[in-house]
C-alpha cells in the first residue's frame, strides 16, 4: 500500500527528524565514508522536500530553497571544507532574510542590522577571522529577520538555535578546541533549528491562523 506524502506530509517531516537524529548517533559512533556524507545532508534535504511538496507560491518555494541550501552546505562542509560549505549557507541566509523580513523591512531593519552586527562581532572575536565575521553577519541577520515575528515563534526559536550551533562551531575553532561540549551540541542545535525553521514557515504559509 502506497503512502501519499502530499496528503500526509507529516510522515515526511517525521522521517526527516529520524534521519537527523540517527546521523548524530552514527557520527558519535565514528562511522565514516561516503554514506556518512550523504546521511549528513539527507536530513535537511528531506525537510526541503517536505517544504517543496507543500509549496504553492513563491514563498513556499523560497523556504524550500533555503533548506536545500542548508542541505548542500552540510555536504560541502564534509567534501570541500569550511569555506565552500559556508558559501552555500550564506546564500541560504540571504534568501531567508528577504523572506522573513518581507513586508516588514521598514520597521524591522534596525533589528536585522543589530543582530547582524552583534553576531558578526561574536564570530570575529571567537576566531579572529574576517571571513567568519562576514558569514556571521548574514547568520545574525537571518535570526534578526526571523525575530520580526512574521512566521511565528517556532521560526524564531529555530533561527536562534541555528545561531547557537554556529557560535559553538566558531568557539571550537579556537576557544573550545579541547572541549567535548561543541561536539555534543553543534549537530542537535543545528538540526533542531532547521526543523523548527521549516515547521514555523511552512505551517504559517499553509495555515496563517497558526501564527503566534
Protein backbone atom coordinates (compact mmCIF):
# COMPACT_ATOMS: atom_id res chain seq x y z
CA UNK A 1 0.00 0.00 0.00
CA UNK A 2 1.46 3.35 -1.05
CA UNK A 3 1.50 6.41 1.19
CA UNK A 4 0.51 9.76 -0.26
CA UNK A 5 3.13 12.06 1.25
CA UNK A 6 1.32 15.15 -0.01
CA UNK A 7 -1.88 14.08 1.74
CA UNK A 8 0.08 13.15 4.88
CA UNK A 9 3.14 15.41 4.78
CA UNK A 10 3.81 14.96 8.49
CA UNK A 11 5.16 11.48 7.70
CA UNK A 12 7.95 13.00 5.61
CA UNK A 13 8.69 15.55 8.32
CA UNK A 14 8.93 12.82 10.97
CA UNK A 15 11.19 10.79 8.70
CA UNK A 16 13.46 13.82 8.35
CA UNK A 17 13.66 14.07 12.16
CA UNK A 18 14.57 10.38 12.36
CA UNK A 19 17.33 10.79 9.76
CA UNK A 20 18.76 13.84 11.54
CA UNK A 21 18.77 12.10 14.93
CA UNK A 22 20.23 8.89 13.55
CA UNK A 23 23.05 10.79 11.84
CA UNK A 24 24.09 12.24 15.20
CA UNK A 25 24.24 8.74 16.70
CA UNK A 26 26.22 7.40 13.73
CA UNK A 27 28.63 10.32 13.96
CA UNK A 28 29.22 9.70 17.66
CA UNK A 29 29.96 6.05 16.79
CA UNK A 30 32.70 7.41 14.49
CA UNK A 31 31.24 5.86 11.34
CA UNK A 32 32.94 7.19 8.22
CA UNK A 33 32.76 7.05 4.44
CA UNK A 34 30.69 8.47 1.59
CA UNK A 35 27.48 7.17 3.13
CA UNK A 36 28.02 9.42 6.14
CA UNK A 37 28.39 12.46 3.89
CA UNK A 38 25.09 11.65 2.18
CA UNK A 39 23.47 10.89 5.53
CA UNK A 40 24.56 14.28 6.84
CA UNK A 41 22.80 16.14 4.04
CA UNK A 42 19.79 13.83 3.85
CA UNK A 43 18.01 15.09 6.97
CA UNK A 44 17.78 18.75 5.97
CA UNK A 45 17.31 17.63 2.36
CA UNK A 46 14.15 15.82 3.45
CA UNK A 47 12.98 18.97 5.23
CA UNK A 48 13.50 20.84 1.95
CA UNK A 49 11.49 18.18 0.10
CA UNK A 50 8.75 18.35 2.73
CA UNK A 51 8.55 22.12 2.26
CA UNK A 52 8.61 21.82 -1.53
CA UNK A 53 5.76 19.30 -1.61
CA UNK A 54 3.53 21.82 0.16
CA UNK A 55 4.70 24.92 -1.70
CA UNK A 56 2.06 26.63 -3.81
CA UNK A 57 3.53 30.13 -4.09
CA UNK A 58 6.88 31.89 -4.29
CA UNK A 59 7.30 31.99 -0.50
CA UNK A 60 6.74 28.26 -0.20
CA UNK A 61 9.42 27.63 -2.81
CA UNK A 62 11.68 30.18 -1.13
CA UNK A 63 11.75 28.30 2.20
CA UNK A 64 12.30 25.04 0.33
CA UNK A 65 15.29 26.67 -1.39
CA UNK A 66 16.64 27.99 1.93
CA UNK A 67 16.52 24.47 3.35
CA UNK A 68 18.06 23.00 0.20
CA UNK A 69 20.94 25.46 0.56
CA UNK A 70 21.43 24.17 4.09
CA UNK A 71 21.50 20.56 2.93
CA UNK A 72 24.00 21.50 0.22
CA UNK A 73 26.12 23.28 2.81
CA UNK A 74 26.10 20.20 5.04
CA UNK A 75 27.52 18.08 2.22
CA UNK A 76 30.02 20.69 1.02
CA UNK A 77 31.37 21.16 4.55
CA UNK A 78 32.26 17.47 4.56
CA UNK A 79 33.58 17.28 1.00
CA UNK A 80 35.10 20.70 0.25
CA UNK A 81 35.77 22.27 3.64
CA UNK A 82 34.53 25.15 5.73
CA UNK A 83 34.81 27.99 3.21
CA UNK A 84 32.90 26.36 0.34
CA UNK A 85 30.28 24.96 2.69
CA UNK A 86 29.81 28.36 4.30
CA UNK A 87 29.06 29.92 0.90
CA UNK A 88 26.03 27.65 0.48
CA UNK A 89 24.78 28.57 3.94
CA UNK A 90 25.46 32.25 3.27
CA UNK A 91 23.26 32.16 0.17
CA UNK A 92 20.52 30.49 2.19
CA UNK A 93 20.76 33.10 4.95
CA UNK A 94 20.46 35.99 2.50
CA UNK A 95 17.40 34.44 0.87
CA UNK A 96 15.94 33.78 4.32
CA UNK A 97 16.39 37.43 5.32
CA UNK A 98 14.45 38.52 2.24
CA UNK A 99 11.68 36.02 3.00
CA UNK A 100 11.34 36.60 6.74
CA UNK A 101 11.51 40.40 6.53
CA UNK A 102 9.21 40.70 3.52
CA UNK A 103 6.73 43.48 4.17
CA UNK A 104 8.41 44.40 7.47
CA UNK A 105 11.69 45.87 6.26
CA UNK A 106 10.91 49.50 7.04
CA UNK A 107 10.00 48.65 10.64
CA UNK A 108 12.42 45.80 11.14
CA UNK A 109 15.71 46.82 9.56
CA UNK A 110 17.21 48.07 12.87
CA UNK A 111 16.58 44.64 14.41
CA UNK A 112 18.08 42.84 11.43
CA UNK A 113 21.10 45.15 11.35
CA UNK A 114 21.66 44.96 15.11
CA UNK A 115 21.56 41.16 15.13
CA UNK A 116 23.86 41.03 12.10
CA UNK A 117 26.44 43.32 13.71
CA UNK A 118 26.28 41.58 17.08
CA UNK A 119 26.63 38.08 15.67
CA UNK A 120 29.40 39.21 13.34
CA UNK A 121 31.32 40.64 16.29
CA UNK A 122 30.94 37.38 18.21
CA UNK A 123 32.15 35.35 15.23
CA UNK A 124 35.16 37.58 14.74
CA UNK A 125 36.08 37.65 18.44
CA UNK A 126 35.89 33.86 18.69
CA UNK A 127 38.01 33.17 15.61
CA UNK A 128 39.86 36.32 14.57
CA UNK A 129 38.69 35.63 11.01
CA UNK A 130 37.17 38.32 8.82
CA UNK A 131 35.55 35.63 6.69
CA UNK A 132 33.81 34.18 9.71
CA UNK A 133 32.72 37.67 10.72
CA UNK A 134 31.18 38.21 7.28
CA UNK A 135 29.35 34.90 7.35
CA UNK A 136 28.17 35.55 10.91
CA UNK A 137 26.67 38.87 9.81
CA UNK A 138 24.38 37.02 7.40
CA UNK A 139 23.63 34.42 10.08
CA UNK A 140 22.67 37.08 12.62
CA UNK A 141 20.69 39.00 10.03
CA UNK A 142 18.71 35.83 9.32
CA UNK A 143 17.88 35.40 13.01
CA UNK A 144 17.02 39.08 13.32
CA UNK A 145 14.65 38.87 10.37
CA UNK A 146 13.06 35.76 11.88
CA UNK A 147 12.59 37.66 15.14
CA UNK A 148 10.29 40.16 13.42
CA UNK A 149 7.62 37.53 14.03
CA UNK A 150 6.06 37.20 10.60
CA UNK A 151 6.19 33.40 10.77
CA UNK A 152 5.61 32.89 14.48
CA UNK A 153 7.56 31.68 17.47
CA UNK A 154 8.81 28.36 16.09
CA UNK A 155 10.79 30.10 13.38
CA UNK A 156 12.27 32.48 15.95
CA UNK A 157 13.37 29.61 18.21
CA UNK A 158 14.74 27.66 15.25
CA UNK A 159 16.70 30.60 13.88
CA UNK A 160 18.39 31.29 17.20
CA UNK A 161 19.19 27.60 17.69
CA UNK A 162 20.95 27.80 14.32
CA UNK A 163 22.92 30.80 15.61
CA UNK A 164 23.82 28.92 18.80
CA UNK A 165 25.04 25.95 16.76
CA UNK A 166 27.31 28.12 14.63
CA UNK A 167 28.62 30.07 17.62
CA UNK A 168 29.62 26.73 19.15
CA UNK A 169 31.29 25.85 15.85
CA UNK A 170 33.20 29.14 15.90
CA UNK A 171 34.25 28.52 19.51
CA UNK A 172 35.53 25.05 18.64
CA UNK A 173 37.87 26.63 16.09
CA UNK A 174 39.84 28.32 18.90
CA UNK A 175 38.44 28.92 22.39
CA UNK A 176 36.89 25.48 22.93
CA UNK A 177 39.27 23.41 20.82
CA UNK A 178 39.84 20.88 23.59
CA UNK A 179 36.27 20.81 24.90
CA UNK A 180 33.82 17.99 24.19
CA UNK A 181 30.85 20.35 24.58
CA UNK A 182 30.72 21.69 21.00
CA UNK A 183 30.81 18.18 19.55
CA UNK A 184 27.84 17.21 21.70
CA UNK A 185 25.73 20.26 20.91
CA UNK A 186 26.54 21.54 17.42
CA UNK A 187 24.54 18.99 15.42
CA UNK A 188 21.50 18.75 17.76
CA UNK A 189 21.10 22.53 17.95
CA UNK A 190 21.66 22.90 14.20
CA UNK A 191 19.24 20.21 13.11
CA UNK A 192 16.59 21.16 15.65
CA UNK A 193 16.94 24.73 14.43
CA UNK A 194 16.47 23.73 10.80
CA UNK A 195 13.46 21.57 11.67
CA UNK A 196 11.80 24.39 13.61
CA UNK A 197 12.57 26.86 10.82
CA UNK A 198 10.91 24.53 8.34
CA UNK A 199 7.92 23.89 10.60
CA UNK A 200 7.42 27.53 11.50
CA UNK A 201 7.43 28.86 7.96
CA UNK A 202 5.57 26.03 6.23
CA UNK A 203 2.85 25.75 8.88
CA UNK A 204 2.28 29.51 8.72
CA UNK A 205 2.09 29.52 4.93
CA UNK A 206 -0.38 26.63 4.89
CA UNK A 207 -2.44 27.96 7.81
CA UNK A 208 -1.84 31.67 8.57
CA UNK A 209 -4.10 31.42 11.64
CA UNK A 210 -1.31 29.43 13.35
CA UNK A 211 0.93 32.50 13.64
CA UNK A 212 1.50 33.27 17.32
